[in-house]
Protein backbone atom coordinates (compact mmCIF):
# COMPACT_ATOMS: atom_id res chain seq x y z
CA MET A 1 -51.07 -3.18 56.70
CA GLU A 2 -49.41 -1.90 53.61
CA PRO A 3 -47.67 1.52 53.25
CA GLU A 4 -49.80 4.07 51.19
CA ILE A 5 -47.64 4.87 48.13
CA MET A 6 -48.60 8.56 46.49
CA GLU A 7 -49.26 8.13 43.04
CA GLN A 8 -48.08 11.45 41.14
CA ASP A 9 -49.23 12.28 38.14
CA PRO A 10 -45.81 13.09 35.55
CA MET A 11 -46.75 16.19 34.44
CA ASP A 12 -47.51 17.67 37.94
CA MET A 13 -43.90 16.75 39.11
CA GLU A 14 -40.54 19.70 38.53
CA PRO A 15 -37.77 17.55 36.44
CA ALA A 16 -35.38 17.23 38.19
CA GLU A 17 -31.23 19.27 37.97
CA PRO A 18 -29.18 16.49 36.25
CA THR A 19 -27.04 16.53 39.29
CA VAL A 20 -22.64 17.17 38.00
CA PRO A 21 -20.29 15.86 40.42
CA ASP A 22 -17.74 19.33 41.30
CA ASN A 23 -14.85 18.41 41.34
CA GLY A 24 -13.18 22.05 41.67
CA PRO A 25 -11.79 24.89 39.22
CA VAL A 26 -10.99 23.68 35.84
CA GLU A 27 -7.49 23.52 35.36
CA GLN A 28 -6.21 24.04 31.48
CA SER A 29 -4.10 22.23 30.18
CA ALA A 30 -0.54 23.00 28.44
CA GLU A 31 -1.81 21.50 25.14
CA VAL A 32 -4.62 24.71 25.28
CA THR A 33 -1.97 26.87 26.72
CA ALA A 34 0.79 25.90 23.87
CA PRO A 35 -0.19 27.55 20.79
CA ALA A 36 -0.01 30.53 22.55
CA GLU A 37 3.81 30.23 23.96
CA ALA A 38 4.20 28.50 20.55
CA ALA A 39 3.51 31.44 18.94
CA ASP A 40 6.80 33.15 19.60
CA GLU A 41 9.12 30.25 18.40
CA PRO A 42 9.34 29.78 14.91
CA VAL A 43 6.98 26.90 13.11
CA ALA A 44 9.18 25.55 10.43
CA PRO A 45 6.95 24.67 7.29
CA PRO A 46 5.37 21.66 6.32
CA ALA A 47 7.33 20.75 3.19
CA GLN A 48 10.57 21.00 5.86
CA ASP A 49 8.59 18.78 8.00
CA ALA A 50 7.89 16.16 4.84
CA THR A 51 11.32 16.15 3.70
CA ALA A 52 13.08 16.05 7.28
CA ARG A 53 10.51 12.84 7.25
CA LEU A 54 11.28 10.91 4.21
CA ALA A 55 15.10 11.46 5.20
CA THR A 56 14.69 9.75 8.03
CA ASP A 57 12.26 6.53 6.73
CA PHE A 58 15.35 6.85 3.78
CA LEU A 59 18.17 5.93 5.77
CA ALA A 60 15.07 2.64 7.29
CA LEU A 61 14.71 1.92 3.67
CA THR A 62 18.56 1.05 3.02
CA GLU A 63 18.76 -0.65 6.42
CA GLU A 64 16.37 -3.18 4.77
CA PHE A 65 17.89 -2.63 1.13
CA PRO A 66 21.49 -2.08 1.38
CA GLN A 67 21.82 -1.71 -2.24
CA ILE A 68 19.78 1.07 -2.76
CA VAL A 69 22.07 4.27 -2.11
CA SER A 70 20.21 7.23 -3.67
CA PRO A 71 16.69 8.51 -3.29
CA SER A 72 17.03 8.38 -7.03
CA GLN A 73 17.56 4.62 -7.49
CA LEU A 74 13.49 4.50 -6.03
CA PRO A 75 10.92 5.19 -8.62
CA ASP A 76 9.31 8.74 -8.32
CA SER A 77 5.85 7.04 -7.85
CA VAL A 78 7.58 5.64 -4.71
CA LEU A 79 8.29 9.27 -3.59
CA GLU A 80 5.25 10.53 -4.47
CA VAL A 81 2.33 8.15 -2.75
CA ALA A 82 4.97 8.41 0.85
CA ALA A 83 4.97 11.98 0.15
CA GLN A 84 0.91 11.85 -0.36
CA GLN A 85 -0.25 9.70 1.67
CA GLY A 86 1.89 10.21 4.41
CA ILE A 87 2.63 6.73 5.13
CA PRO A 88 7.05 5.68 5.64
CA LEU A 89 8.91 5.02 2.28
CA LEU A 90 10.14 1.56 3.32
CA ASP A 91 5.84 1.21 3.22
CA ALA A 92 5.41 2.76 0.08
CA TYR A 93 8.83 0.67 -1.42
CA LEU A 94 6.97 -2.42 -0.57
CA ARG A 95 4.12 -1.42 -1.69
CA TYR A 96 5.60 -0.97 -5.28
CA ARG A 97 7.28 -4.14 -5.16
CA TRP A 98 4.03 -6.09 -3.84
CA GLN A 99 2.49 -4.29 -7.05
CA GLU A 100 5.41 -5.02 -9.46
CA GLU A 101 5.75 -9.01 -8.55
CA LYS A 102 1.65 -9.03 -9.13
CA LYS A 103 1.96 -7.62 -12.28
CA VAL A 104 4.76 -10.35 -13.15
CA ALA A 105 2.99 -12.74 -12.08
CA ALA A 106 -0.09 -12.02 -13.59
CA ALA A 107 1.78 -11.70 -16.89
CA SER A 108 3.29 -15.11 -16.49
CA ALA A 109 0.11 -16.94 -15.57
CA LYS A 110 -0.86 -15.71 -19.21
CA ARG A 111 1.88 -16.71 -20.78
CA GLN A 112 1.46 -20.25 -19.70
CA GLN A 113 -2.47 -20.39 -19.81
CA ALA A 114 -1.66 -18.99 -23.71
CA ALA A 115 1.07 -21.69 -24.47
CA ALA A 116 -1.33 -24.17 -22.95
CA GLN A 117 -3.75 -23.25 -24.89
CA SER A 118 -1.74 -23.01 -28.61
CA ALA A 119 -1.37 -25.66 -31.45
CA GLY A 120 2.02 -26.08 -31.52
CA SER A 121 4.30 -25.27 -33.56
CA LEU A 122 3.10 -25.04 -37.17
CA SER A 123 6.99 -25.69 -38.71
CA ARG A 124 8.03 -29.05 -39.60
CA GLY A 125 11.03 -28.38 -37.84
CA ALA A 126 13.32 -31.43 -37.41
CA VAL A 127 11.63 -34.15 -37.56
CA GLN A 128 13.02 -37.30 -39.32
CA THR A 129 11.58 -38.80 -42.26
CA PRO A 130 11.80 -42.33 -43.00
CA PRO A 131 14.45 -43.74 -44.58
CA GLU A 132 12.66 -44.61 -48.05
CA GLN A 133 10.81 -41.25 -48.47
CA ASP A 134 15.03 -39.79 -48.20
CA ALA A 135 15.89 -42.07 -50.98
CA PHE A 136 13.38 -41.42 -53.55
CA LEU A 137 13.79 -37.31 -51.90
CA ARG A 138 17.70 -38.22 -53.05
CA ALA A 139 16.68 -39.65 -56.59
CA PHE A 140 14.13 -37.28 -57.85
CA ARG A 141 16.41 -34.44 -57.05
CA SER A 142 19.45 -35.94 -59.24
CA ALA A 143 16.84 -36.25 -61.81
CA LEU A 144 16.40 -32.93 -62.45
């Protein structure tokens, strides 16, 4: 004998309540309450934070490139990119150098391509002439 299975109409069934484990009262973390505590402390303006970060980044840059001793030696675009994109100064400087090297390589390749397509020099330069021609030209010039 098989057990009798009762079929119920899905429309007659009541929706089951979702079961969520109860872990007790939820405690607020320090991060949530931090804004209230931070309101009492003076906050540094973002410009000072960026300046301090760039100063620290400059020290890291001078460790890798000792020939750079002053921020004025850096191109303005390096400082602007580092500040705007929030990337380290060393990274911005390496990106700048990579772009400049790519420009130089492209210009060199263009010069080499132009030289390969060139017809060569159009002046005669120091071309040796046959001795008979030299003798003729000397005689001709002396006759004038």
